[in-house]
Amino acid sequence: MGKNDYRGFDMVKTGQNIERLIHEKNMTYQEVANRMNVTVQAVYKWRKGKCLPSWDVVDELCKMLDTTFDGLIVRRNEET
């Protein structure tokens, strides 16, 4: 799998997870962006299901949001 190979993943449901987890942590999108060293626009794209975070960011995002890879990233045909 390439660095940003998203085949097999549901970007919309993953975005919903990201949005829910950020909300549960009472964080702003700007705080997430600052901690992940990305732009706030990138965070908006993740939560809207326009794209997924790069795989090198996913591990840190999981730690920050106190979740696992499977708790954050939704594979296609999975229910959340």
C-alpha atoms as a PDB file:
ATOM      1  CA  MET A   1       0.000   0.000   0.000  1.00  0.00           C
ATOM      2  CA  GLY A   2       1.330   3.430  -0.942  1.00  0.00           C
ATOM      3  CA  LYS A   3       1.726   6.326   1.441  1.00  0.00           C
ATOM      4  CA  ASN A   4      -1.747   7.682   0.684  1.00  0.00           C
ATOM      5  CA  ASP A   5      -3.496   4.668  -0.850  1.00  0.00           C
ATOM      6  CA  TYR A   6      -7.119   5.049   0.267  1.00  0.00           C
ATOM      7  CA  ARG A   7      -8.638   2.123  -1.633  1.00  0.00           C
ATOM      8  CA  GLY A   8     -10.770   0.042   0.655  1.00  0.00           C
ATOM      9  CA  PHE A   9     -11.439   2.857   3.109  1.00  0.00           C
ATOM     10  CA  ASP A  10     -14.640   4.838   3.572  1.00  0.00           C
ATOM     11  CA  MET A  11     -13.540   8.471   3.646  1.00  0.00           C
ATOM     12  CA  VAL A  12     -16.976   9.862   4.583  1.00  0.00           C
ATOM     13  CA  LYS A  13     -17.452   7.567   7.604  1.00  0.00           C
ATOM     14  CA  THR A  14     -13.844   8.112   8.618  1.00  0.00           C
ATOM     15  CA  GLY A  15     -14.460  11.866   8.432  1.00  0.00           C
ATOM     16  CA  GLN A  16     -17.487  11.428  10.685  1.00  0.00           C
ATOM     17  CA  ASN A  17     -15.315   9.540  13.173  1.00  0.00           C
ATOM     18  CA  ILE A  18     -12.667  12.256  13.091  1.00  0.00           C
ATOM     19  CA  GLU A  19     -15.263  14.968  13.637  1.00  0.00           C
ATOM     20  CA  ARG A  20     -16.919  13.051  16.512  1.00  0.00           C
ATOM     21  CA  LEU A  21     -13.608  12.285  18.232  1.00  0.00           C
ATOM     22  CA  ILE A  22     -12.399  15.888  17.966  1.00  0.00           C
ATOM     23  CA  HIS A  23     -15.727  17.050  19.423  1.00  0.00           C
ATOM     24  CA  GLU A  24     -15.500  14.497  22.264  1.00  0.00           C
ATOM     25  CA  LYS A  25     -12.056  15.883  23.141  1.00  0.00           C
ATOM     26  CA  ASN A  26     -13.460  19.440  23.135  1.00  0.00           C
ATOM     27  CA  MET A  27     -10.740  20.451  20.694  1.00  0.00           C
ATOM     28  CA  THR A  28     -10.914  22.971  17.892  1.00  0.00           C
ATOM     29  CA  TYR A  29      -9.876  22.124  14.363  1.00  0.00           C
ATOM     30  CA  GLN A  30      -7.098  24.682  14.721  1.00  0.00           C
ATOM     31  CA  GLU A  31      -5.772  22.876  17.823  1.00  0.00           C
ATOM     32  CA  VAL A  32      -5.758  19.583  15.941  1.00  0.00           C
ATOM     33  CA  ALA A  33      -4.006  21.189  12.980  1.00  0.00           C
ATOM     34  CA  ASN A  34      -1.364  22.743  15.216  1.00  0.00           C
ATOM     35  CA  ARG A  35      -0.672  19.485  17.055  1.00  0.00           C
ATOM     36  CA  MET A  36      -0.553  17.468  13.822  1.00  0.00           C
ATOM     37  CA  ASN A  37       1.569  20.116  12.067  1.00  0.00           C
ATOM     38  CA  VAL A  38      -0.917  20.423   9.197  1.00  0.00           C
ATOM     39  CA  THR A  39      -3.160  23.218   7.997  1.00  0.00           C
ATOM     40  CA  VAL A  40      -6.648  23.694   9.386  1.00  0.00           C
ATOM     41  CA  GLN A  41      -7.850  23.202   5.805  1.00  0.00           C
ATOM     42  CA  ALA A  42      -6.420  19.668   5.905  1.00  0.00           C
ATOM     43  CA  VAL A  43      -8.408  18.921   9.063  1.00  0.00           C
ATOM     44  CA  TYR A  44     -11.568  20.268   7.413  1.00  0.00           C
ATOM     45  CA  LYS A  45     -10.980  17.976   4.426  1.00  0.00           C
ATOM     46  CA  TRP A  46     -10.533  14.956   6.712  1.00  0.00           C
ATOM     47  CA  ARG A  47     -13.752  15.601   8.620  1.00  0.00           C
ATOM     48  CA  LYS A  48     -15.727  16.240   5.422  1.00  0.00           C
ATOM     49  CA  GLY A  49     -14.482  12.987   3.885  1.00  0.00           C
ATOM     50  CA  LYS A  50     -12.669  14.756   1.058  1.00  0.00           C
ATOM     51  CA  CYS A  51      -9.431  12.955   1.877  1.00  0.00           C
ATOM     52  CA  LEU A  52      -7.806  10.982   4.669  1.00  0.00           C
ATOM     53  CA  PRO A  53      -4.795  11.990   6.706  1.00  0.00           C
ATOM     54  CA  SER A  54      -1.539  10.610   5.355  1.00  0.00           C
ATOM     55  CA  TRP A  55      -0.601   7.336   7.002  1.00  0.00           C
ATOM     56  CA  ASP A  56       2.326   8.957   8.821  1.00  0.00           C
ATOM     57  CA  VAL A  57      -0.177  11.322  10.532  1.00  0.00           C
ATOM     58  CA  VAL A  58      -2.771   8.644  11.387  1.00  0.00           C
ATOM     59  CA  ASP A  59      -0.758   7.107  14.257  1.00  0.00           C
ATOM     60  CA  GLU A  60      -0.275  10.469  15.984  1.00  0.00           C
ATOM     61  CA  LEU A  61      -3.904  11.421  15.365  1.00  0.00           C
ATOM     62  CA  CYS A  62      -5.032   8.147  16.973  1.00  0.00           C
ATOM     63  CA  LYS A  63      -2.878   8.852  20.024  1.00  0.00           C
ATOM     64  CA  MET A  64      -4.134  12.419  20.325  1.00  0.00           C
ATOM     65  CA  LEU A  65      -7.771  11.315  20.046  1.00  0.00           C
ATOM     66  CA  ASP A  66      -7.318   8.258  22.312  1.00  0.00           C
ATOM     67  CA  THR A  67      -8.441   5.746  19.716  1.00  0.00           C
ATOM     68  CA  THR A  68      -7.096   2.912  17.613  1.00  0.00           C
ATOM     69  CA  PHE A  69      -6.576   2.762  13.874  1.00  0.00           C
ATOM     70  CA  ASP A  70      -9.821   0.792  13.544  1.00  0.00           C
ATOM     71  CA  GLY A  71     -11.591   3.281  15.799  1.00  0.00           C
ATOM     72  CA  LEU A  72     -10.589   6.100  13.488  1.00  0.00           C
ATOM     73  CA  ILE A  73     -10.319   4.724   9.963  1.00  0.00           C
ATOM     74  CA  VAL A  74     -13.357   2.907   8.549  1.00  0.00           C
ATOM     75  CA  ARG A  75     -12.882   0.195   5.966  1.00  0.00           C
ATOM     76  CA  ARG A  76     -15.481  -0.011   3.216  1.00  0.00           C
ATOM     77  CA  ASN A  77     -18.525  -2.130   4.008  1.00  0.00           C
ATOM     78  CA  GLU A  78     -18.012  -1.663   7.762  1.00  0.00           C
ATOM     79  CA  GLU A  79     -20.638  -0.137  10.001  1.00  0.00           C
ATOM     80  CA  THR A  80     -19.598   2.510  12.527  1.00  0.00           C
END
